[in-house]
Amino acid sequence: MRRLLLSILLMLLITIMAPAGAEVGPSDLTSGIGRFQSVICMDVDDDGRDEILFGSYEGYVVSVEYRGGDYRVDWRSEKFGTRAWGLIAGQFDDDPAVEIMIGDGDGDVRAIDGITKEIEWRSDTLVRDAHGLHLHDVDGDGRNELIVGTGFKTDQGWGQVYFFKDNSSKPYDSLPPFDSRLRDIHIEDLDGDGEEEMIVCSGAALGDVAGEGYFRIFDLGTRELEFMSEDLGGCVEGLKVMDLDGDTVPELILSTGYRYRDGYLMIYSWDGEGYSRTFKSENIGPKAYGMDVGDIDGDGDLEIVVSNMAGRIYIFNALTREIEWTSPQLGRDILGLTIGDPDGDGDLEIIAGQGGYVGKGDYTSGYSTPHIYIIDGKTRRMEAILGEEDPALPVLQILLLISAAFFIVLAALIVRTIVKVRTANRNRPGLNR
């Protein structure tokens, strides 16, 4: 009887003290999550489910997976350099596993095996903020090289592009420094000449000035500059290259912004002689940085989804360029966004990372609790908010404590009664004859 009562009490205490297993709380997310496109949705561990991965200001990469009807933390990396905001996944070496590529604010880049989560490769330390990562078979040998864009947030032209192979920690090639904050890179044949170009986006100014930003196009083979845009008025953070209108000419989709100033969605394409702008949105800033493109509602037309510092998400029709939907104001600093199907239901969701980072005295940084917003692409309904504290949890814990106290008292009374009865029975005359 005593053992049974003690087991019940132990189970009650474990229930009270253990965190809710199905919750992804703020401490799991750390802070400053997903900034500058460091949020991806992909099956990196080959288990048949797409994980949501995001980098954080503290230097962690966290993987969240949908299992058993809820989102749970699947993996959390060791602590790397602060601002682990360079994050992509793809094939970098010759094993079959996907690599998670992580660049941090100290200028270090690592390749982590998606299944074992072991570090397989690490670069030499580069210029700070190695955030612009791209995997591509640059030399046509059938294996991807890693291209890294760097550059701390300064007015100095420290930004540099490096080229790596998986067999060496040293870059085998680089471009001379220019601008800073080289956070998005892509390689594509933009003009239909059969030769690939490399697009590099940048920011170029800080302080109380209006901000500068550019995209440059280099010949991939010769590394020579072919085109440089006009000043776009702020950091060019988001970049996608897709054929939006079906004419076989890919468009450059760009999202821009700067501190508390205006931000825009812009579209450029090859016009036969250069790259001309075909669209510029109304002001959707500040810092319209998070951006992705996909047919999120399954109607056969592409949508462009953009998020900003003010906490709003915009959905544009990729053909008409009209805004189809604007979210209510969510938490501030939604600076990273991707489209995916993390719950495996066959429908696409918008996955947006939100939250400023703690411990930085920069007035442009938010200090809000971090969240991952998961929004249904068709209905625009909020499916989940990761990082929310359950408001009923404290009440439930108090009720459990009261229940546990009641059972403790009840158990003590039962044990005491049993002891008294047994003692009385032993002391009754003639009972042991």
Protein backbone atom coordinates (compact mmCIF):
# COMPACT_ATOMS: atom_id res chain seq x y z
CA MET A 1 0.00 0.00 0.00
CA ARG A 2 2.77 2.41 0.93
CA ARG A 3 4.62 1.70 -2.32
CA LEU A 4 1.48 2.31 -4.36
CA LEU A 5 0.80 5.62 -2.64
CA LEU A 6 4.42 6.73 -3.09
CA SER A 7 4.27 5.85 -6.80
CA ILE A 8 1.11 7.95 -7.24
CA LEU A 9 2.72 10.89 -5.48
CA LEU A 10 5.89 10.61 -7.59
CA MET A 11 3.86 10.61 -10.82
CA LEU A 12 1.98 13.71 -9.68
CA LEU A 13 5.22 15.54 -8.90
CA ILE A 14 6.73 14.61 -12.29
CA THR A 15 3.57 15.88 -14.02
CA ILE A 16 3.80 19.18 -12.17
CA MET A 17 7.48 19.80 -12.70
CA ALA A 18 7.89 18.60 -16.30
CA PRO A 19 7.42 21.17 -19.09
CA ALA A 20 4.70 20.62 -21.65
CA GLY A 21 6.33 18.25 -24.12
CA ALA A 22 4.33 19.51 -27.09
CA GLU A 23 5.16 23.18 -26.50
CA VAL A 24 7.95 25.12 -28.19
CA GLY A 25 8.61 27.90 -25.72
CA PRO A 26 10.56 31.17 -25.97
CA SER A 27 13.65 29.64 -24.37
CA ASP A 28 13.72 27.01 -27.13
CA LEU A 29 13.79 29.72 -29.78
CA THR A 30 16.43 31.94 -28.05
CA SER A 31 16.31 35.42 -29.67
CA GLY A 32 16.75 37.27 -32.95
CA ILE A 33 15.60 34.21 -34.87
CA GLY A 34 15.48 33.75 -38.63
CA ARG A 35 16.83 37.15 -39.56
CA PHE A 36 18.07 37.75 -43.12
CA GLN A 37 16.44 34.58 -44.47
CA SER A 38 18.03 32.27 -41.89
CA VAL A 39 14.85 30.20 -41.71
CA ILE A 40 14.38 27.17 -43.96
CA CYS A 41 11.88 24.31 -44.27
CA MET A 42 13.43 21.10 -45.56
CA ASP A 43 13.87 17.41 -44.69
CA VAL A 44 17.51 17.63 -43.61
CA ASP A 45 17.63 14.35 -41.66
CA ASP A 46 15.97 12.10 -44.26
CA ASP A 47 13.10 11.04 -41.98
CA GLY A 48 10.37 11.92 -44.49
CA ARG A 49 9.29 15.07 -42.63
CA ASP A 50 10.30 18.65 -43.40
CA GLU A 51 11.88 20.39 -40.45
CA ILE A 52 11.80 24.12 -39.73
CA LEU A 53 15.35 25.33 -39.04
CA PHE A 54 16.37 28.82 -38.00
CA GLY A 55 19.47 30.61 -36.78
CA SER A 56 19.56 32.91 -33.76
CA TYR A 57 21.43 35.90 -32.42
CA GLU A 58 22.97 33.79 -29.64
CA GLY A 59 24.63 31.54 -32.21
CA TYR A 60 22.38 28.50 -32.21
CA VAL A 61 20.56 26.72 -35.00
CA VAL A 62 17.31 25.08 -33.87
CA SER A 63 15.28 22.44 -35.70
CA VAL A 64 11.55 22.10 -35.03
CA GLU A 65 9.55 19.15 -36.35
CA TYR A 66 5.83 18.40 -36.55
CA ARG A 67 5.21 15.09 -34.79
CA GLY A 68 2.23 13.61 -33.01
CA GLY A 69 -0.03 16.49 -33.96
CA ASP A 70 2.19 19.26 -32.63
CA TYR A 71 5.51 21.04 -33.17
CA ARG A 72 8.44 19.92 -31.04
CA VAL A 73 12.12 20.83 -30.83
CA ASP A 74 13.95 18.17 -32.80
CA TRP A 75 17.56 19.41 -32.45
CA ARG A 76 19.54 22.35 -31.17
CA SER A 77 23.11 22.96 -32.25
CA GLU A 78 26.02 23.76 -30.04
CA LYS A 79 26.66 27.46 -29.58
CA PHE A 80 28.57 28.99 -32.47
CA GLY A 81 29.54 32.63 -32.96
CA THR A 82 26.80 35.17 -32.33
CA ARG A 83 24.46 36.07 -35.20
CA ALA A 84 24.16 32.60 -36.74
CA TRP A 85 22.13 34.13 -39.54
CA GLY A 86 23.75 32.41 -42.49
CA LEU A 87 21.72 29.25 -43.01
CA ILE A 88 21.04 27.01 -46.01
CA ALA A 89 20.88 23.25 -46.59
CA GLY A 90 22.04 21.23 -49.58
CA GLN A 91 24.67 18.88 -50.92
CA PHE A 92 28.27 19.93 -50.29
CA ASP A 93 30.31 16.71 -50.10
CA ASP A 94 30.13 13.26 -51.68
CA ASP A 95 28.09 11.47 -49.00
CA PRO A 96 24.33 11.07 -49.54
CA ALA A 97 23.32 13.15 -46.52
CA VAL A 98 22.22 16.77 -46.81
CA GLU A 99 24.54 19.29 -45.17
CA ILE A 100 23.32 22.17 -43.01
CA MET A 101 25.53 25.16 -43.85
CA ILE A 102 25.86 27.69 -41.01
CA GLY A 103 27.65 31.05 -41.19
CA ASP A 104 27.99 33.19 -38.07
CA GLY A 105 28.87 36.75 -37.11
CA ASP A 106 32.48 35.90 -36.34
CA GLY A 107 33.04 34.96 -39.97
CA ASP A 108 33.10 31.17 -39.50
CA VAL A 109 31.19 28.77 -41.75
CA ARG A 110 30.47 25.14 -40.87
CA ALA A 111 28.95 22.19 -42.71
CA ILE A 112 26.96 19.89 -40.42
CA ASP A 113 25.73 16.46 -41.46
CA GLY A 114 21.93 16.66 -41.57
CA ILE A 115 21.48 13.17 -40.09
CA THR A 116 24.26 12.82 -37.50
CA LYS A 117 24.53 16.57 -36.79
CA GLU A 118 28.32 16.24 -36.69
CA ILE A 119 30.53 19.05 -38.01
CA GLU A 120 32.07 17.78 -41.26
CA TRP A 121 33.78 20.92 -42.54
CA ARG A 122 34.76 24.37 -41.33
CA SER A 123 36.14 27.39 -43.16
CA ASP A 124 38.99 29.59 -42.14
CA THR A 125 37.68 32.66 -40.32
CA LEU A 126 36.54 35.26 -42.85
CA VAL A 127 35.34 38.84 -42.66
CA ARG A 128 32.60 39.13 -40.05
CA ASP A 129 28.98 38.17 -40.69
CA ALA A 130 29.27 35.26 -43.12
CA HIS A 131 25.56 35.38 -43.92
CA GLY A 132 25.33 35.11 -47.70
CA LEU A 133 25.53 31.37 -48.45
CA HIS A 134 24.86 29.62 -51.74
CA LEU A 135 25.64 26.10 -53.02
CA HIS A 136 26.22 25.68 -56.75
CA ASP A 137 28.33 23.61 -59.14
CA VAL A 138 30.48 26.54 -60.24
CA ASP A 139 33.06 24.65 -62.29
CA GLY A 140 30.79 21.99 -63.81
CA ASP A 141 32.50 19.01 -62.17
CA GLY A 142 29.26 17.60 -60.80
CA ARG A 143 29.91 18.72 -57.21
CA ASN A 144 28.70 21.84 -55.51
CA GLU A 145 30.99 24.60 -54.37
CA LEU A 146 30.08 26.95 -51.53
CA ILE A 147 29.88 30.69 -52.18
CA VAL A 148 30.00 32.92 -49.09
CA GLY A 149 29.15 36.60 -48.88
CA THR A 150 30.38 38.52 -45.82
CA GLY A 151 30.59 42.02 -44.41
CA PHE A 152 29.87 43.54 -41.04
CA LYS A 153 27.26 46.32 -40.80
CA THR A 154 29.54 49.26 -41.33
CA ASP A 155 30.06 52.02 -43.84
CA GLN A 156 33.39 50.48 -44.80
CA GLY A 157 33.60 48.32 -47.93
CA TRP A 158 34.43 45.12 -46.10
CA GLY A 159 32.02 42.85 -47.93
CA GLN A 160 33.72 40.06 -49.81
CA VAL A 161 32.68 36.97 -51.77
CA TYR A 162 34.61 33.72 -51.24
CA PHE A 163 34.53 30.40 -53.11
CA PHE A 164 35.13 27.07 -51.30
CA LYS A 165 35.45 23.40 -52.14
CA ASP A 166 34.65 20.78 -49.52
CA ASN A 167 38.26 19.49 -49.39
CA SER A 168 39.81 22.70 -48.07
CA SER A 169 39.06 25.23 -45.34
CA LYS A 170 40.71 27.94 -47.42
CA PRO A 171 38.87 29.71 -50.24
CA TYR A 172 40.14 28.87 -53.70
CA ASP A 173 38.94 32.20 -55.11
CA SER A 174 37.41 35.49 -53.99
CA LEU A 175 36.21 38.86 -55.26
CA PRO A 176 37.77 42.15 -54.13
CA PRO A 177 35.94 43.84 -51.22
CA PHE A 178 32.96 46.09 -51.93
CA ASP A 179 30.11 47.52 -49.86
CA SER A 180 29.11 45.41 -46.85
CA ARG A 181 26.32 43.11 -45.70
CA LEU A 182 26.50 40.71 -48.67
CA ARG A 183 23.61 38.59 -47.48
CA ASP A 184 22.02 37.09 -50.57
CA ILE A 185 23.67 35.40 -53.56
CA HIS A 186 22.26 33.42 -56.46
CA ILE A 187 23.61 31.89 -59.69
CA GLU A 188 21.51 31.62 -62.86
CA ASP A 189 21.64 32.20 -66.61
CA LEU A 190 19.81 35.53 -66.56
CA ASP A 191 20.18 36.66 -70.17
CA GLY A 192 19.75 33.34 -72.02
CA ASP A 193 23.27 33.26 -73.45
CA GLY A 194 24.07 29.82 -72.05
CA GLU A 195 26.51 31.27 -69.51
CA GLU A 196 25.66 31.61 -65.84
CA GLU A 197 25.75 34.88 -63.93
CA MET A 198 26.20 35.43 -60.20
CA ILE A 199 23.94 37.98 -58.48
CA VAL A 200 25.21 39.54 -55.25
CA CYS A 201 23.01 41.83 -53.12
CA SER A 202 24.45 44.35 -50.67
CA GLY A 203 23.98 47.19 -48.25
CA ALA A 204 26.36 50.11 -48.28
CA ALA A 205 25.63 52.73 -45.61
CA LEU A 206 24.72 53.21 -41.96
CA GLY A 207 24.02 56.06 -39.58
CA ASP A 208 21.46 58.79 -40.13
CA VAL A 209 21.76 58.75 -43.90
CA ALA A 210 19.00 57.29 -46.02
CA GLY A 211 20.86 54.04 -46.64
CA GLU A 212 22.22 52.55 -49.84
CA GLY A 213 21.83 49.18 -51.45
CA TYR A 214 22.69 47.54 -54.77
CA PHE A 215 22.67 44.30 -56.66
CA ARG A 216 25.61 43.39 -58.86
CA ILE A 217 25.81 40.80 -61.61
CA PHE A 218 29.12 39.06 -62.31
CA ASP A 219 30.09 36.71 -65.10
CA LEU A 220 30.50 33.44 -63.20
CA GLY A 221 33.33 32.19 -65.35
CA THR A 222 35.52 35.30 -65.47
CA ARG A 223 34.27 36.91 -62.19
CA GLU A 224 34.03 40.20 -64.08
CA LEU A 225 31.34 42.72 -63.18
CA GLU A 226 28.68 42.86 -65.92
CA PHE A 227 26.08 45.08 -64.29
CA MET A 228 25.55 47.20 -61.19
CA SER A 229 22.13 48.54 -60.27
CA GLU A 230 21.34 52.08 -59.25
CA ASP A 231 21.13 52.78 -55.53
CA LEU A 232 17.94 51.07 -54.34
CA GLY A 233 17.75 53.16 -51.18
CA GLY A 234 18.49 50.51 -48.54
CA CYS A 235 19.97 47.09 -47.93
CA VAL A 236 18.96 44.55 -50.57
CA GLU A 237 18.31 41.57 -48.31
CA GLY A 238 15.83 39.31 -50.09
CA LEU A 239 16.56 37.76 -53.50
CA LYS A 240 14.70 35.17 -55.56
CA VAL A 241 15.26 34.36 -59.25
CA MET A 242 12.23 32.90 -61.03
CA ASP A 243 10.31 33.14 -64.28
CA LEU A 244 7.16 34.81 -62.99
CA ASP A 245 5.32 35.33 -66.29
CA GLY A 246 6.23 32.22 -68.29
CA ASP A 247 8.29 33.98 -70.97
CA THR A 248 11.41 31.86 -70.13
CA VAL A 249 13.27 35.01 -68.97
CA PRO A 250 13.89 34.83 -65.22
CA GLU A 251 13.03 37.83 -63.06
CA LEU A 252 15.05 39.13 -60.14
CA ILE A 253 12.71 39.58 -57.18
CA LEU A 254 14.26 41.83 -54.54
CA SER A 255 13.16 43.07 -51.11
CA THR A 256 14.83 46.13 -49.62
CA GLY A 257 14.77 48.48 -46.67
CA TYR A 258 16.74 50.31 -44.05
CA ARG A 259 16.13 50.89 -40.34
CA TYR A 260 12.92 52.87 -39.82
CA ARG A 261 12.81 54.09 -43.41
CA ASP A 262 10.86 52.87 -46.42
CA GLY A 263 11.07 49.35 -47.77
CA TYR A 264 10.03 47.95 -51.14
CA LEU A 265 9.48 44.89 -53.27
CA MET A 266 11.19 45.35 -56.65
CA ILE A 267 11.37 43.22 -59.80
CA TYR A 268 14.06 43.43 -62.51
CA SER A 269 14.63 41.44 -65.69
CA TRP A 270 16.91 41.25 -68.72
CA ASP A 271 15.65 43.60 -71.45
CA GLY A 272 18.12 42.64 -74.20
CA GLU A 273 20.75 45.18 -73.23
CA GLY A 274 20.70 45.37 -69.45
CA TYR A 275 18.51 44.77 -66.44
CA SER A 276 15.57 47.12 -66.09
CA ARG A 277 13.08 47.50 -63.30
CA THR A 278 9.58 46.29 -64.17
CA PHE A 279 7.95 46.80 -60.77
CA LYS A 280 8.35 48.73 -57.55
CA SER A 281 5.76 48.36 -54.81
CA GLU A 282 4.38 51.01 -52.56
CA ASN A 283 6.23 51.44 -49.28
CA ILE A 284 5.99 48.17 -47.32
CA GLY A 285 8.82 48.90 -44.91
CA PRO A 286 10.63 49.40 -42.77
CA LYS A 287 13.09 46.62 -43.49
CA ALA A 288 11.07 44.55 -45.97
CA TYR A 289 13.64 41.77 -45.64
CA GLY A 290 11.86 38.41 -45.35
CA MET A 291 10.77 37.15 -48.76
CA ASP A 292 9.87 33.97 -50.66
CA VAL A 293 7.95 33.01 -53.81
CA GLY A 294 5.57 30.10 -54.40
CA ASP A 295 2.04 29.05 -55.28
CA ILE A 296 0.91 29.18 -51.67
CA ASP A 297 -2.82 28.78 -52.33
CA GLY A 298 -2.65 26.11 -55.05
CA ASP A 299 -4.44 28.16 -57.71
CA GLY A 300 -1.70 27.80 -60.31
CA ASP A 301 -0.41 31.37 -59.92
CA LEU A 302 2.71 32.33 -58.03
CA GLU A 303 2.61 34.62 -55.01
CA ILE A 304 5.40 36.76 -53.56
CA VAL A 305 5.34 36.88 -49.77
CA VAL A 306 7.21 39.68 -47.96
CA SER A 307 7.61 40.47 -44.24
CA ASN A 308 8.99 43.53 -42.46
CA MET A 309 10.33 45.01 -39.26
CA ALA A 310 6.95 46.46 -38.28
CA GLY A 311 5.49 42.96 -37.96
CA ARG A 312 3.39 42.66 -41.10
CA ILE A 313 3.32 40.11 -43.91
CA TYR A 314 2.25 41.03 -47.44
CA ILE A 315 1.16 38.66 -50.21
CA PHE A 316 1.51 39.92 -53.81
CA ASN A 317 0.13 38.26 -56.92
CA ALA A 318 3.29 37.61 -58.94
CA LEU A 319 1.59 38.40 -62.27
CA THR A 320 -0.62 41.37 -61.47
CA ARG A 321 1.73 42.67 -58.75
CA GLU A 322 -1.34 43.52 -56.67
CA ILE A 323 -1.42 42.97 -52.92
CA GLU A 324 -3.77 40.05 -52.23
CA TRP A 325 -3.50 40.09 -48.44
CA THR A 326 -1.90 42.01 -45.61
CA SER A 327 -1.60 40.39 -42.20
CA PRO A 328 -2.59 42.08 -38.96
CA GLN A 329 0.37 43.50 -37.09
CA LEU A 330 2.22 40.61 -35.52
CA GLY A 331 5.30 40.85 -33.32
CA ARG A 332 7.98 43.18 -34.59
CA ASP A 333 11.11 42.22 -36.52
CA ILE A 334 9.73 39.59 -38.91
CA LEU A 335 12.95 39.65 -40.91
CA GLY A 336 13.10 36.07 -42.18
CA LEU A 337 10.45 34.08 -44.02
CA THR A 338 10.08 30.91 -46.06
CA ILE A 339 7.33 28.87 -47.71
CA GLY A 340 6.99 25.15 -46.96
CA ASP A 341 4.82 22.27 -45.77
CA PRO A 342 6.10 21.47 -42.27
CA ASP A 343 2.97 19.57 -41.18
CA GLY A 344 2.96 17.36 -44.29
CA ASP A 345 -0.69 17.97 -45.17
CA GLY A 346 0.07 18.74 -48.81
CA ASP A 347 -0.73 22.45 -48.49
CA LEU A 348 1.87 25.19 -48.25
CA GLU A 349 2.33 27.38 -45.22
CA ILE A 350 4.06 30.71 -44.65
CA ILE A 351 6.72 30.29 -41.97
CA ALA A 352 7.93 33.57 -40.49
CA GLY A 353 10.59 34.12 -37.83
CA GLN A 354 9.99 37.03 -35.47
CA GLY A 355 11.69 38.68 -32.53
CA GLY A 356 14.46 41.11 -31.76
CA TYR A 357 17.60 40.11 -29.94
CA VAL A 358 18.56 40.80 -26.34
CA GLY A 359 21.75 42.39 -25.10
CA LYS A 360 22.37 44.75 -28.01
CA GLY A 361 22.11 48.50 -27.53
CA ASP A 362 21.16 49.17 -31.12
CA TYR A 363 17.94 51.16 -31.24
CA THR A 364 16.87 49.39 -34.40
CA SER A 365 16.71 46.08 -32.55
CA GLY A 366 13.50 44.80 -31.05
CA TYR A 367 13.26 43.24 -27.62
CA SER A 368 10.10 41.25 -28.19
CA THR A 369 9.53 37.61 -27.32
CA PRO A 370 10.54 35.43 -30.30
CA HIS A 371 7.92 33.50 -32.26
CA ILE A 372 7.59 31.35 -35.35
CA TYR A 373 4.31 32.14 -37.12
CA ILE A 374 2.88 29.36 -39.30
CA ILE A 375 0.11 30.63 -41.59
CA ASP A 376 -2.06 28.59 -43.95
CA GLY A 377 -1.32 29.66 -47.53
CA LYS A 378 -4.90 29.22 -48.74
CA THR A 379 -7.02 30.55 -45.91
CA ARG A 380 -4.39 32.88 -44.35
CA ARG A 381 -5.43 31.36 -41.03
CA MET A 382 -2.84 31.26 -38.25
CA GLU A 383 -2.15 27.54 -37.81
CA ALA A 384 0.41 27.78 -35.03
CA ILE A 385 2.46 30.27 -33.06
CA LEU A 386 5.63 28.67 -31.72
CA GLY A 387 7.12 30.40 -28.70
CA GLU A 388 3.79 31.21 -27.08
CA GLU A 389 3.43 30.61 -23.37
CA ASP A 390 0.24 28.66 -22.69
CA PRO A 391 -1.88 31.05 -20.57
CA ALA A 392 -3.66 28.09 -18.95
CA LEU A 393 -0.39 26.43 -17.88
CA PRO A 394 0.18 28.43 -14.63
CA VAL A 395 -3.44 27.79 -13.56
CA LEU A 396 -3.07 24.11 -14.38
CA GLN A 397 0.16 23.91 -12.39
CA ILE A 398 -1.52 25.54 -9.37
CA LEU A 399 -4.44 23.11 -9.59
CA LEU A 400 -2.01 20.21 -9.81
CA LEU A 401 -0.11 21.49 -6.78
CA ILE A 402 -3.35 21.75 -4.80
CA SER A 403 -4.34 18.25 -5.95
CA ALA A 404 -0.91 16.90 -5.01
CA ALA A 405 -1.13 18.49 -1.57
CA PHE A 406 -4.59 16.99 -1.09
CA PHE A 407 -3.38 13.54 -2.08
CA ILE A 408 -0.34 13.84 0.18
CA VAL A 409 -2.56 14.64 3.16
CA LEU A 410 -5.02 11.92 2.17
CA ALA A 411 -2.23 9.38 1.76
CA ALA A 412 -0.80 10.28 5.16
CA LEU A 413 -4.21 9.84 6.78
CA ILE A 414 -4.71 6.50 5.05
CA VAL A 415 -1.30 5.24 6.12
CA ARG A 416 -1.89 6.48 9.67
CA THR A 417 -5.28 4.75 9.81
CA ILE A 418 -3.82 1.49 8.48
CA VAL A 419 -1.05 1.58 11.08
CA LYS A 420 -3.58 2.23 13.88
CA VAL A 421 -5.83 -0.64 12.76
CA ARG A 422 -2.92 -3.07 12.50
CA THR A 423 -1.61 -2.01 15.92
CA ALA A 424 -5.06 -2.38 17.48
CA ASN A 425 -5.50 -5.82 15.93
CA ARG A 426 -2.14 -6.97 17.23
CA ASN A 427 -3.02 -5.77 20.73
CA ARG A 428 -6.47 -7.45 20.86
CA PRO A 429 -6.51 -10.34 23.40
CA GLY A 430 -6.53 -13.78 21.83
CA LEU A 431 -5.90 -12.51 18.29
CA ASN A 432 -2.57 -14.33 17.97
CA ARG A 433 -3.69 -17.64 19.52
